[in-house]
Protein backbone atom coordinates (compact mmCIF):
# COMPACT_ATOMS: atom_id res chain seq x y z
CA MET A 1 -32.97 105.18 204.03
CA THR A 2 -34.36 102.04 202.66
CA ARG A 3 -37.83 101.02 201.26
CA TYR A 4 -38.38 99.78 204.79
CA ASP A 5 -38.32 102.85 206.65
CA ASN A 6 -41.64 103.62 206.22
CA PHE A 7 -42.72 100.65 208.07
CA LEU A 8 -41.02 101.88 211.58
CA GLY A 9 -43.45 102.78 213.91
CA ARG A 10 -46.11 100.74 212.55
CA VAL A 11 -48.06 98.58 214.80
CA PHE A 12 -48.83 94.80 213.78
CA SER A 13 -51.92 92.71 215.27
CA GLY A 14 -52.49 95.37 217.66
CA ARG A 15 -49.48 94.36 219.80
CA TYR A 16 -45.94 94.68 217.64
CA THR A 17 -44.64 97.91 217.05
CA LEU A 18 -41.88 97.72 214.71
CA VAL A 19 -39.01 100.28 215.98
CA SER A 20 -35.94 98.99 214.11
CA ILE A 21 -34.73 97.26 210.79
CA ILE A 22 -32.57 94.36 211.77
CA GLY A 23 -31.70 93.08 208.26
CA VAL A 24 -33.16 93.07 204.76
CA GLY A 25 -33.12 89.83 202.35
CA GLU A 26 -34.17 89.49 198.77
CA CYS A 27 -37.57 87.99 200.14
CA SER A 28 -38.08 89.30 203.44
CA VAL A 29 -36.88 91.87 206.48
CA VAL A 30 -36.66 91.21 209.99
CA PHE A 31 -37.50 94.33 212.25
CA GLY A 32 -36.65 94.88 216.17
CA ALA A 33 -40.26 95.39 217.42
CA TYR A 34 -41.68 96.01 220.83
CA ASP A 35 -44.24 93.78 222.12
CA ARG A 36 -46.90 95.65 224.34
CA GLU A 37 -48.02 92.69 225.86
CA ASN A 38 -45.34 91.88 227.95
CA GLY A 39 -42.89 94.67 227.33
CA LYS A 40 -40.23 92.81 225.57
CA THR A 41 -38.40 93.42 222.34
CA VAL A 42 -38.91 90.66 219.69
CA ALA A 43 -37.79 90.14 216.16
CA LEU A 44 -40.43 90.12 213.71
CA LYS A 45 -39.76 88.55 210.26
CA MET A 46 -42.12 89.84 207.38
CA LEU A 47 -42.57 88.54 203.61
CA ALA A 48 -41.62 91.19 201.60
CA PRO A 49 -44.64 93.20 199.98
CA ASP A 50 -43.42 92.93 196.34
CA ARG A 51 -43.16 89.24 196.95
CA LEU A 52 -46.36 88.70 197.85
CA SER A 53 -47.56 87.53 194.27
CA ASP A 54 -44.60 85.32 193.98
CA GLY A 55 -45.43 81.69 194.87
CA GLU A 56 -42.07 80.26 195.16
CA ALA A 57 -41.07 83.02 197.73
CA VAL A 58 -44.42 82.79 199.58
CA LYS A 59 -43.67 79.00 199.77
CA ARG A 60 -40.21 79.28 201.21
CA PHE A 61 -41.74 81.60 203.86
CA LEU A 62 -44.56 79.39 204.89
CA LYS A 63 -41.91 76.62 204.97
CA GLU A 64 -39.38 78.34 207.19
CA VAL A 65 -42.87 79.03 209.50
CA ASP A 66 -43.39 75.49 209.67
CA VAL A 67 -39.87 74.36 210.17
CA LEU A 68 -39.43 76.62 213.14
CA SER A 69 -42.66 75.21 214.68
CA LEU A 70 -40.91 71.92 215.12
CA PHE A 71 -38.41 73.31 218.00
CA ASP A 72 -38.02 73.97 221.33
CA HIS A 73 -34.29 73.92 221.79
CA PRO A 74 -32.02 76.42 223.64
CA ASN A 75 -29.35 76.63 220.74
CA ILE A 76 -32.40 77.19 218.06
CA VAL A 77 -34.30 80.48 217.75
CA LYS A 78 -37.81 80.29 219.03
CA ILE A 79 -40.73 81.34 217.24
CA LEU A 80 -43.26 82.99 219.35
CA ASP A 81 -46.24 84.13 217.17
CA VAL A 82 -47.43 84.00 213.71
CA SER A 83 -49.87 85.88 211.47
CA LEU A 84 -50.49 84.59 207.48
CA GLU A 85 -53.94 86.53 207.28
CA GLY A 86 -53.77 89.25 204.17
CA ASP A 87 -51.04 91.06 203.04
CA ASP A 88 -49.21 91.27 205.99
CA LYS A 89 -47.43 87.99 206.50
CA PHE A 90 -44.92 87.52 209.41
CA PHE A 91 -44.11 85.51 212.36
CA VAL A 92 -42.11 86.52 215.15
CA MET A 93 -39.52 84.99 217.04
CA GLU A 94 -37.23 85.77 220.31
CA TYR A 95 -35.07 88.62 219.83
CA ILE A 96 -31.56 87.64 219.86
CA GLU A 97 -28.77 90.45 220.81
CA GLY A 98 -25.09 89.20 219.94
CA ILE A 99 -22.57 88.80 217.35
CA THR A 100 -22.34 86.23 214.56
CA LEU A 101 -19.34 83.53 214.90
CA LYS A 102 -18.32 84.92 211.51
CA LYS A 103 -17.82 88.40 213.10
CA HIS A 104 -16.12 86.49 215.82
CA ILE A 105 -13.66 84.85 213.43
CA LEU A 106 -12.73 87.93 211.42
CA THR A 107 -11.94 89.90 215.02
CA LYS A 108 -10.08 87.23 216.76
CA GLY A 109 -9.02 85.02 213.58
CA ALA A 110 -8.22 81.46 214.12
CA LEU A 111 -9.65 80.00 217.59
CA SER A 112 -7.99 77.79 220.35
CA GLU A 113 -8.91 74.19 219.85
CA GLU A 114 -10.49 74.61 223.61
CA GLU A 115 -12.82 77.56 222.27
CA ILE A 116 -13.81 75.26 219.04
CA LEU A 117 -14.70 72.60 221.29
CA PHE A 118 -16.86 74.97 223.16
CA LEU A 119 -18.49 76.41 220.36
CA SER A 120 -19.05 73.28 218.73
CA ARG A 121 -20.93 71.44 221.43
CA PRO A 122 -24.19 73.56 221.55
CA ILE A 123 -24.08 74.05 217.48
CA LEU A 124 -23.86 70.02 217.13
CA SER A 125 -26.69 69.82 219.58
CA ALA A 126 -28.91 72.21 217.83
CA LEU A 127 -27.88 70.41 214.44
CA GLY A 128 -28.82 66.98 215.65
CA GLU A 129 -32.38 68.14 216.90
CA VAL A 130 -32.69 69.63 213.39
CA HIS A 131 -31.97 65.84 211.63
CA LYS A 132 -34.19 64.02 214.86
CA LYS A 133 -37.19 66.24 213.14
CA GLY A 134 -36.41 65.10 209.60
CA ILE A 135 -35.36 68.60 208.55
CA VAL A 136 -31.52 69.64 206.69
CA HIS A 137 -30.84 73.17 207.57
CA SER A 138 -29.03 73.53 203.84
CA ASP A 139 -27.54 76.90 205.35
CA ILE A 140 -24.95 76.29 207.98
CA LYS A 141 -22.44 78.71 208.13
CA PRO A 142 -20.83 80.87 210.80
CA GLN A 143 -23.24 84.05 209.48
CA ASN A 144 -26.07 82.03 211.08
CA ILE A 145 -24.79 81.28 214.51
CA VAL A 146 -25.23 83.89 216.89
CA LEU A 147 -23.05 84.16 220.22
CA VAL A 148 -25.21 85.83 222.53
CA GLY A 149 -24.08 87.87 225.37
CA SER A 150 -25.80 85.81 227.95
CA GLY A 151 -23.59 83.14 226.90
CA ALA A 152 -26.12 81.09 224.69
CA ILE A 153 -25.51 80.10 221.11
CA LYS A 154 -28.43 80.05 218.57
CA LEU A 155 -28.71 78.58 215.09
CA MET A 156 -30.66 80.90 212.81
CA ASP A 157 -32.06 81.18 209.40
CA PHE A 158 -34.33 78.56 208.20
CA GLY A 159 -35.05 79.94 205.06
CA ILE A 160 -33.81 77.22 202.68
CA ALA A 161 -34.50 74.19 204.88
CA LYS A 162 -35.36 71.20 203.34
CA ILE A 163 -37.97 68.89 204.82
CA LEU A 164 -36.52 65.25 203.93
CA SER A 165 -39.94 63.68 203.14
CA GLN A 166 -40.61 66.47 200.80
CA GLN A 167 -37.24 66.18 198.71
CA THR A 168 -37.47 64.98 195.08
CA GLU A 169 -34.88 63.73 193.11
CA GLU A 170 -34.84 65.96 190.48
CA VAL A 171 -31.56 67.82 189.68
CA SER A 172 -31.97 71.77 189.92
CA SER A 173 -29.98 73.76 187.92
CA VAL A 174 -29.68 76.59 190.94
CA THR A 175 -27.53 76.46 193.78
CA VAL A 176 -29.21 77.70 196.69
CA GLY A 177 -26.65 78.56 199.92
CA THR A 178 -23.95 80.43 200.40
CA VAL A 179 -21.22 78.71 198.26
CA GLN A 180 -18.19 79.20 200.19
CA TYR A 181 -19.90 76.31 202.72
CA VAL A 182 -22.22 74.55 200.30
CA SER A 183 -21.63 70.41 200.10
CA PRO A 184 -20.47 69.14 196.85
CA GLU A 185 -24.30 67.96 196.36
CA GLN A 186 -25.74 70.66 197.12
CA ALA A 187 -23.32 72.72 194.77
CA GLU A 188 -24.67 70.30 192.16
CA GLY A 189 -28.08 70.37 192.82
CA ARG A 190 -28.56 67.00 194.11
CA PRO A 191 -30.97 65.92 197.21
CA LEU A 192 -29.45 66.67 200.72
CA ASP A 193 -29.27 64.76 203.65
CA PRO A 194 -28.20 65.28 207.19
CA THR A 195 -24.63 64.72 206.07
CA SER A 196 -24.64 68.02 203.96
CA ASP A 197 -25.27 70.18 206.78
CA LEU A 198 -22.35 68.64 208.52
CA TYR A 199 -20.10 69.18 205.54
CA SER A 200 -20.89 72.89 205.73
CA PHE A 201 -20.08 72.81 209.59
CA GLY A 202 -16.69 71.01 208.45
CA VAL A 203 -15.77 74.33 206.32
CA THR A 204 -17.22 75.84 209.40
CA LEU A 205 -14.79 74.43 211.73
CA TYR A 206 -12.36 75.14 208.61
CA GLU A 207 -12.44 78.74 209.58
CA MET A 208 -12.71 78.81 213.21
CA ALA A 209 -9.47 76.52 213.15
CA THR A 210 -7.61 78.64 210.60
CA GLY A 211 -9.20 82.05 210.03
CA VAL A 212 -9.45 81.49 206.49
CA LEU A 213 -12.04 79.35 204.46
CA PRO A 214 -10.81 76.19 202.55
CA PHE A 215 -11.96 77.46 199.07
CA VAL A 216 -11.54 80.85 197.59
CA ASP A 217 -12.08 82.78 194.41
CA ASP A 218 -13.63 85.55 193.00
CA ASP A 219 -16.19 83.64 190.83
CA PRO A 220 -19.01 81.66 192.69
CA ARG A 221 -19.01 79.33 190.25
CA ARG A 222 -15.60 77.94 190.49
CA ILE A 223 -15.95 77.91 194.29
CA ALA A 224 -18.92 75.53 193.54
CA ALA A 225 -16.35 73.24 191.26
CA MET A 226 -13.88 73.42 193.75
CA GLN A 227 -16.46 72.42 196.77
CA VAL A 228 -17.06 69.12 194.01
CA SER A 229 -13.65 68.45 192.89
CA SER A 230 -11.10 69.82 194.83
CA GLU A 231 -9.10 68.48 198.15
CA PRO A 232 -8.95 71.14 200.63
CA ILE A 233 -5.34 71.82 201.90
CA PRO A 234 -5.17 70.49 205.80
CA PRO A 235 -5.66 72.88 208.41
CA SER A 236 -2.15 72.48 210.01
CA MET A 237 -0.63 73.66 206.77
CA VAL A 238 -2.53 76.85 207.11
CA CYS A 239 -2.32 77.46 210.78
CA ASP A 240 0.70 76.20 212.89
CA GLY A 241 -1.49 75.50 215.86
CA VAL A 242 -3.78 72.82 214.61
CA CYS A 243 -3.06 69.50 215.74
CA PRO A 244 -3.01 66.55 213.28
CA ALA A 245 -5.92 64.95 215.11
CA LEU A 246 -8.13 68.25 214.42
CA ASP A 247 -7.04 67.82 210.85
CA GLU A 248 -8.51 64.30 210.80
CA VAL A 249 -11.58 65.42 212.33
CA ILE A 250 -12.20 68.53 209.68
CA LEU A 251 -11.11 66.77 206.80
CA GLY A 252 -13.24 64.16 207.56
CA ALA A 253 -16.22 65.91 207.96
CA MET A 254 -15.60 67.71 204.54
CA ALA A 255 -15.43 64.34 202.83
CA LYS A 256 -16.54 64.70 199.05
CA THR A 257 -19.22 61.51 199.48
CA PRO A 258 -21.76 61.70 202.29
CA GLU A 259 -20.70 57.99 203.08
CA LYS A 260 -17.12 59.12 204.22
CA ARG A 261 -18.46 61.66 206.71
CA PRO A 262 -19.53 61.61 209.64
CA GLN A 263 -23.31 60.33 210.06
CA SER A 264 -25.04 62.16 212.80
CA ALA A 265 -24.12 65.40 214.56
CA THR A 266 -23.40 63.27 217.73
CA GLU A 267 -20.73 61.12 215.99
CA LEU A 268 -19.08 64.34 214.69
CA MET A 269 -19.14 65.90 218.35
CA GLU A 270 -17.87 62.41 219.86
CA ALA A 271 -14.85 62.77 217.23
CA LEU A 272 -14.00 66.44 218.52
CA GLU A 273 -14.12 65.32 222.42
CA ASN A 274 -12.07 62.72 221.80
CA LEU A 275 -8.93 64.59 220.06
CA HIS A 276 -6.56 64.33 222.93
CA THR A 277 -8.07 60.71 224.36
CA PRO A 278 -5.06 58.56 224.15
CA LYS A 279 -5.40 55.40 221.82
CA PRO A 280 -5.02 52.36 223.94
CA LYS A 281 -1.53 50.60 223.14
CA LYS A 282 -1.45 47.55 221.43
CA VAL A 283 -0.46 44.51 223.80
CA GLU A 284 1.71 42.29 222.46
CA ASP A 285 2.00 38.65 223.70
CA GLU A 286 3.86 37.67 226.72
CA PRO A 287 7.44 35.78 226.00
CA LYS A 288 6.98 32.09 226.57
CA SER A 289 9.98 32.22 228.77
CA PHE A 290 12.25 34.60 230.78
CA LYS A 291 15.10 33.53 229.37
CA THR A 292 14.03 34.09 225.76
CA LEU A 293 12.84 37.83 226.63
CA TRP A 294 16.28 38.63 228.16
CA LYS A 295 18.14 37.07 225.32
CA LYS A 296 15.65 39.44 223.00
CA LEU A 297 16.59 42.42 225.44
CA HIS A 298 19.88 41.82 225.67
CA LYS A 299 20.40 42.13 221.93
CA ARG A 300 18.62 45.10 221.29
CA THR A 301 19.68 46.97 224.15
CA CYS A 302 23.60 46.24 222.53
CA PHE A 303 22.49 47.05 219.61
CA ALA A 304 20.66 50.34 220.65
CA ALA A 305 23.62 51.42 222.37
CA ILE A 306 25.97 51.06 219.67
CA LEU A 307 23.51 53.00 217.60
CA CYS A 308 23.21 55.51 220.14
CA ALA A 309 26.94 56.06 220.34
CA LEU A 310 27.20 56.56 216.72
CA LEU A 311 23.98 58.82 216.69
CA SER A 312 25.43 60.98 219.22
CA SER A 313 28.82 61.44 217.86
CA VAL A 314 27.19 62.51 214.90
CA ILE A 315 25.02 65.07 216.37
CA VAL A 316 27.71 66.55 218.32
CA SER A 317 29.99 67.20 215.48
CA LEU A 318 27.09 68.62 213.60
CA SER A 319 26.27 70.87 216.52
CA ILE A 320 29.61 72.16 216.55
CA LEU A 321 29.90 72.63 212.94
CA SER A 322 26.60 74.44 212.97
CA ALA A 323 27.65 76.79 215.67
CA MET A 324 31.17 77.82 214.26
CA LEU A 325 29.42 78.38 210.57
CA THR A 326 26.55 80.08 212.70
CA ASP A 327 29.09 82.31 214.75
CA GLN A 328 31.41 83.09 211.78
CA ARG A 329 28.18 84.39 210.18
CA ASN A 330 26.20 86.18 212.84
CA ASN A 331 28.66 87.31 215.15
CA HIS A 332 30.47 90.21 213.20
CA THR A 333 26.82 91.03 211.56
CA PHE A 334 26.32 95.19 211.82
CA VAL A 335 22.88 96.66 211.11
CA ARG A 336 22.13 100.11 210.57
CA VAL A 337 19.40 101.72 212.83
CA PRO A 338 16.54 102.71 210.72
CA ASN A 339 14.91 106.35 211.86
CA LEU A 340 11.72 106.04 212.85
CA VAL A 341 11.13 108.99 214.77
CA GLY A 342 8.18 110.87 213.69
CA GLU A 343 6.68 108.18 211.84
CA SER A 344 3.04 106.78 212.99
CA TYR A 345 3.08 103.81 214.84
CA LEU A 346 0.35 101.05 214.69
CA SER A 347 1.58 97.66 215.57
CA THR A 348 5.07 95.92 215.70
CA SER A 349 4.68 95.48 211.91
CA THR A 350 4.02 98.94 210.96
CA PHE A 351 7.29 99.76 209.70
CA GLY A 352 7.86 96.32 207.77
CA LEU A 353 11.20 95.59 209.33
CA ASP A 354 12.90 92.43 208.64
CA GLU A 355 12.06 90.17 212.18
CA GLU A 356 15.51 88.56 211.59
CA LEU A 357 17.48 91.38 212.13
CA TYR A 358 15.16 94.04 214.43
CA LYS A 359 12.98 93.59 217.16
CA ILE A 360 10.44 95.95 218.53
CA SER A 361 9.50 97.13 222.10
CA VAL A 362 7.16 99.57 222.63
CA GLU A 363 6.15 102.52 225.68
CA TYR A 364 3.19 104.59 225.61
CA VAL A 365 3.82 108.36 226.91
CA SER A 366 0.85 111.24 226.69
CA TYR A 367 1.61 113.56 224.30
CA PRO A 368 -1.53 115.07 222.73
CA THR A 369 0.37 117.18 220.05
CA GLN A 370 2.33 113.88 218.61
CA SER A 371 -0.43 111.37 219.06
CA GLY A 372 0.39 108.21 217.62
CA LYS A 373 3.63 109.13 216.56
CA VAL A 374 6.94 108.08 217.56
CA ILE A 375 8.72 110.73 219.60
CA ALA A 376 12.32 108.82 220.47
CA GLN A 377 14.09 105.93 220.13
CA SER A 378 16.84 103.61 221.50
CA PRO A 379 19.28 103.04 219.89
CA ALA A 380 19.70 106.41 218.09
CA GLN A 381 19.12 106.42 213.96
CA ASP A 382 21.46 105.69 211.57
CA ARG A 383 23.82 104.31 213.91
CA LEU A 384 25.62 101.18 213.15
CA VAL A 385 25.49 98.40 215.90
CA ARG A 386 26.90 94.87 216.02
CA ARG A 387 23.59 92.24 216.54
CA ASN A 388 25.60 89.56 217.68
CA GLY A 389 23.44 86.90 216.43
CA LYS A 390 20.48 87.96 217.36
CA PRO A 391 17.81 91.11 216.08
CA LEU A 392 18.76 93.94 217.44
CA ASP A 393 16.41 95.54 219.81
CA ILE A 394 15.26 98.85 219.34
CA HIS A 395 12.96 100.67 222.36
CA LEU A 396 10.63 103.03 220.86
CA THR A 397 8.46 105.81 222.64
CA VAL A 398 4.96 106.60 221.32
CA ALA A 399 2.42 109.03 221.95
CA ARG A 400 -0.97 107.72 222.77
CA ARG A 401 -3.90 108.13 220.36
CA PRO A 402 -7.16 109.52 221.82
CA LEU A 403 -9.61 107.20 221.87
CA PRO A 404 -11.50 106.84 218.85
CA ASN A 405 -15.27 107.62 218.44
CA PRO A 406 -17.20 104.65 218.04
CA LEU A 407 -15.18 102.65 220.48
CA PRO A 408 -14.09 99.30 218.28
CA ASP A 409 -15.74 96.01 219.08
CA LEU A 410 -13.57 94.43 221.52
CA ALA A 411 -15.95 91.60 222.67
CA TYR A 412 -14.63 88.17 222.51
CA LEU A 413 -10.85 88.84 222.48
CA SER A 414 -8.88 87.87 225.18
CA GLU A 415 -8.15 90.28 228.36
CA GLU A 416 -4.46 90.48 226.73
CA ASP A 417 -4.99 90.99 223.36
CA ALA A 418 -7.73 93.69 224.42
CA ARG A 419 -5.09 95.48 226.66
CA ALA A 420 -2.51 95.24 224.29
CA TYR A 421 -4.83 96.96 221.84
CA LEU A 422 -5.91 99.74 224.56
CA ALA A 423 -2.48 100.44 225.53
CA GLY A 424 -1.97 102.83 222.52
CA TYR A 425 -4.87 105.02 223.59
CA ASP A 426 -4.83 107.90 226.02
CA CYS A 427 -7.38 106.14 228.41
CA ARG A 428 -7.48 104.12 231.93
CA VAL A 429 -8.58 100.41 231.78
CA LYS A 430 -10.97 98.48 234.68
CA THR A 431 -11.88 95.23 234.69
CA ILE A 432 -15.43 93.61 236.17
CA THR A 433 -15.77 89.94 236.19
CA ALA A 434 -18.44 88.46 234.58
CA THR A 435 -19.86 84.80 233.87
CA HIS A 436 -20.21 83.08 230.78
CA VAL A 437 -21.08 79.79 229.52
CA TYR A 438 -19.31 78.76 226.29
CA LEU A 439 -15.90 81.59 226.42
CA PRO A 440 -13.14 80.13 228.41
CA GLU A 441 -11.87 82.04 231.40
CA GLY A 442 -10.12 85.66 230.69
CA TYR A 443 -12.16 86.56 227.59
CA VAL A 444 -14.17 90.34 226.98
CA LEU A 445 -17.93 90.07 227.16
CA ARG A 446 -17.90 93.68 226.42
CA ALA A 447 -16.03 96.92 226.81
CA GLU A 448 -17.92 100.12 227.82
CA GLN A 449 -16.31 103.78 227.67
CA THR A 450 -17.31 105.01 230.88
CA ASP A 451 -16.31 108.70 231.27
CA THR A 452 -14.26 110.08 228.07
CA LYS A 453 -10.95 108.52 229.24
CA GLU A 454 -11.65 105.10 230.95
CA ILE A 455 -13.06 101.42 229.69
CA THR A 456 -14.43 98.99 231.52
CA LEU A 457 -13.58 95.57 230.38
CA TYR A 458 -16.16 92.80 231.54
CA ILE A 459 -13.78 89.67 231.60
CA THR A 460 -15.35 85.97 231.88
CA GLN A 461 -14.74 84.04 234.67
CA LYS A 462 -15.81 80.40 235.20
């Protein structure tokens, strides 16, 4: 129950019937509404009634209307109608049905380089349009980027956008924006420019590439201080899958001074597109004579041959020594098989076993009275088994669990990950192909429970 529930059912401007509450902010509330004129669902953002006398809140609300009215871009939420008369100050936007980029990252973890490129193109296209209109969004973060089921990507929430021509040079004592994503100049209350948004998108790229934020602390003030003076740990040191070239792009966007960042959304996108473009090799001057070249090659070849022979000898000796030591250490190692029968099973890490000593494989069977539990294992528990230098394979038979209600959101997982998740549940899985604009092939667009034991996965294809 919220203080806005009594608005549900009301009709605004004789046209928009409020049917649901989408979100409540400090100064406004967003409703899902039915447009009686065209029969479509829209989003209606209303200034909170208790803020009508708050001049700053009204000013911010009117500025958001002015800013959104400037755009007609496929990746920026569209404003459809405005009413600023009387106490019901509101504007109507297209209704965006999807999940935020933040939820996508929380669900999936670190994204692949291919997916980062897919997502960055429309977002930076939208940012380029914003900056071209003389606007700084000021609140770029995954929470304000929505992945729509139709394949579109929408940039949302211009509530604290800055119009560059109206900025003052006065320093503000209040940091406005989400502190985990704000630029150093925003954290210090200094004037912003388009590179401030690019810094925030650099933080977003960092989170997409690693699954985590670059600066984390319980105290927002300390995070703000980190944005100003602390260098982030390179993404490749946080997540093995990040290549040095992507490291360079992300850290470049997060440079502390605006002059060292990419100077436009287009420049940042070009840097991302060129991640795997091979750099041209420097062409050396052609030797003046074939004889000179032959002498140089002959000397280098002889030296290289001697060096290679020596190195090969050393490497072979070290390999033999290492193999002997490894054989002595591992070949006669015995481990005791743990007793896992009767334990609840969620994943291979459930039991906290040392991965160097044990490797778990699982087979699922229907056994309703023991749902989710290990009902058999091989080899049997409490035996001493020689591991022969490799992790000991333990095969578990696990009873499937009943499907949870409601079904967890599987959208934007790969088909492989979704099937692996559902394998532990007593259900049948079927797939239907679906086209999608930005997701790579083989991802779940949505999942539906078609009956008590059947799940349909809609899988993307190009």
